[in-house]
Amino acid sequence: MSQLTVTLALPEPFVVLCRADNVEPGTVLCGFVADLCSITDAEAGFVCNGARATDLARWYYAQVGYVWWPR
């Protein structure tokens, strides 16, 4: 699987939320990407969290409407 590396400054509320749940922010982001794309590649850090999580991630992505955002 090819990958693109992204450097991202995370907003404090997201970091606080992750810390409160004792989870690394990268784990949350990789989990969302894995759910959105139905990826399971544990070595790369992407593990899909099941069919329901995939449905919800895809629903969120569709609701935001990234496909229609200006380029």
C-alpha atoms as a PDB file:
ATOM      1  CA  MET A   1       0.000   0.000   0.000  1.00  0.00           C
ATOM      2  CA  SER A   2       1.453   3.368  -0.948  1.00  0.00           C
ATOM      3  CA  GLN A   3       1.281   6.111   1.632  1.00  0.00           C
ATOM      4  CA  LEU A   4       1.423   9.888   1.742  1.00  0.00           C
ATOM      5  CA  THR A   5       2.957  11.412   4.866  1.00  0.00           C
ATOM      6  CA  VAL A   6       1.192  14.496   6.226  1.00  0.00           C
ATOM      7  CA  THR A   7       2.338  16.861   8.968  1.00  0.00           C
ATOM      8  CA  LEU A   8      -0.616  18.325  10.799  1.00  0.00           C
ATOM      9  CA  ALA A   9      -0.904  20.734  13.734  1.00  0.00           C
ATOM     10  CA  LEU A  10      -3.671  19.311  15.907  1.00  0.00           C
ATOM     11  CA  PRO A  11      -6.056  21.656  17.718  1.00  0.00           C
ATOM     12  CA  GLU A  12      -5.908  21.554  21.495  1.00  0.00           C
ATOM     13  CA  PRO A  13      -9.538  20.357  21.969  1.00  0.00           C
ATOM     14  CA  PHE A  14      -8.769  17.254  19.890  1.00  0.00           C
ATOM     15  CA  VAL A  15      -5.586  16.556  21.845  1.00  0.00           C
ATOM     16  CA  VAL A  16      -7.430  17.031  25.158  1.00  0.00           C
ATOM     17  CA  LEU A  17     -10.184  14.646  24.041  1.00  0.00           C
ATOM     18  CA  CYS A  18      -7.648  11.996  23.056  1.00  0.00           C
ATOM     19  CA  ARG A  19      -5.714  12.402  26.308  1.00  0.00           C
ATOM     20  CA  ALA A  20      -8.925  12.109  28.314  1.00  0.00           C
ATOM     21  CA  ASP A  21      -9.568   8.778  26.594  1.00  0.00           C
ATOM     22  CA  ASN A  22      -5.901   7.749  26.991  1.00  0.00           C
ATOM     23  CA  VAL A  23      -5.407   7.291  23.255  1.00  0.00           C
ATOM     24  CA  GLU A  24      -2.818   8.785  20.919  1.00  0.00           C
ATOM     25  CA  PRO A  25      -4.229  11.308  18.412  1.00  0.00           C
ATOM     26  CA  GLY A  26      -2.493   9.422  15.590  1.00  0.00           C
ATOM     27  CA  THR A  27      -4.325   6.259  16.580  1.00  0.00           C
ATOM     28  CA  VAL A  28      -7.668   8.072  16.281  1.00  0.00           C
ATOM     29  CA  LEU A  29      -6.795   9.581  12.906  1.00  0.00           C
ATOM     30  CA  CYS A  30      -5.433   6.312  11.499  1.00  0.00           C
ATOM     31  CA  GLY A  31      -8.524   4.517  12.811  1.00  0.00           C
ATOM     32  CA  PHE A  32     -10.833   6.962  11.035  1.00  0.00           C
ATOM     33  CA  VAL A  33      -8.933   6.582   7.764  1.00  0.00           C
ATOM     34  CA  ALA A  34      -8.992   2.792   8.120  1.00  0.00           C
ATOM     35  CA  ASP A  35     -12.738   2.831   8.790  1.00  0.00           C
ATOM     36  CA  LEU A  36     -13.447   5.225   5.924  1.00  0.00           C
ATOM     37  CA  CYS A  37     -11.534   3.085   3.431  1.00  0.00           C
ATOM     38  CA  SER A  38     -12.052  -0.374   5.012  1.00  0.00           C
ATOM     39  CA  ILE A  39      -8.312  -0.804   5.454  1.00  0.00           C
ATOM     40  CA  THR A  40      -6.691  -3.390   7.659  1.00  0.00           C
ATOM     41  CA  ASP A  41      -2.930  -3.057   7.570  1.00  0.00           C
ATOM     42  CA  ALA A  42      -1.780  -3.382  11.168  1.00  0.00           C
ATOM     43  CA  GLU A  43       1.899  -3.019  10.238  1.00  0.00           C
ATOM     44  CA  ALA A  44       1.150   0.415   8.772  1.00  0.00           C
ATOM     45  CA  GLY A  45      -1.052   1.365  11.762  1.00  0.00           C
ATOM     46  CA  PHE A  46      -4.393   1.141   9.979  1.00  0.00           C
ATOM     47  CA  VAL A  47      -6.982  -1.169  11.501  1.00  0.00           C
ATOM     48  CA  CYS A  48     -10.653  -1.027  10.533  1.00  0.00           C
ATOM     49  CA  ASN A  49     -12.947  -1.080  13.565  1.00  0.00           C
ATOM     50  CA  GLY A  50     -15.760  -3.049  11.955  1.00  0.00           C
ATOM     51  CA  ALA A  51     -18.717  -2.610   9.636  1.00  0.00           C
ATOM     52  CA  ARG A  52     -20.597  -0.127  11.838  1.00  0.00           C
ATOM     53  CA  ALA A  53     -17.541   2.118  12.210  1.00  0.00           C
ATOM     54  CA  THR A  54     -17.017   1.972   8.440  1.00  0.00           C
ATOM     55  CA  ASP A  55     -20.643   2.952   7.810  1.00  0.00           C
ATOM     56  CA  LEU A  56     -20.396   5.885  10.228  1.00  0.00           C
ATOM     57  CA  ALA A  57     -17.082   7.124   8.805  1.00  0.00           C
ATOM     58  CA  ARG A  58     -18.477   6.989   5.268  1.00  0.00           C
ATOM     59  CA  TRP A  59     -21.675   8.740   6.400  1.00  0.00           C
ATOM     60  CA  TYR A  60     -19.638  11.538   8.001  1.00  0.00           C
ATOM     61  CA  TYR A  61     -17.464  11.929   4.908  1.00  0.00           C
ATOM     62  CA  ALA A  62     -20.545  12.141   2.661  1.00  0.00           C
ATOM     63  CA  GLN A  63     -22.286  14.635   4.983  1.00  0.00           C
ATOM     64  CA  VAL A  64     -19.319  17.004   4.936  1.00  0.00           C
ATOM     65  CA  GLY A  65     -19.348  16.913   1.139  1.00  0.00           C
ATOM     66  CA  TYR A  66     -15.604  16.963   0.458  1.00  0.00           C
ATOM     67  CA  VAL A  67     -16.304  15.885  -3.131  1.00  0.00           C
ATOM     68  CA  TRP A  68     -17.936  19.306  -3.740  1.00  0.00           C
ATOM     69  CA  TRP A  69     -15.339  21.472  -2.003  1.00  0.00           C
ATOM     70  CA  PRO A  70     -13.611  23.983  -4.269  1.00  0.00           C
ATOM     71  CA  ARG A  71     -10.207  22.882  -5.465  1.00  0.00           C
END
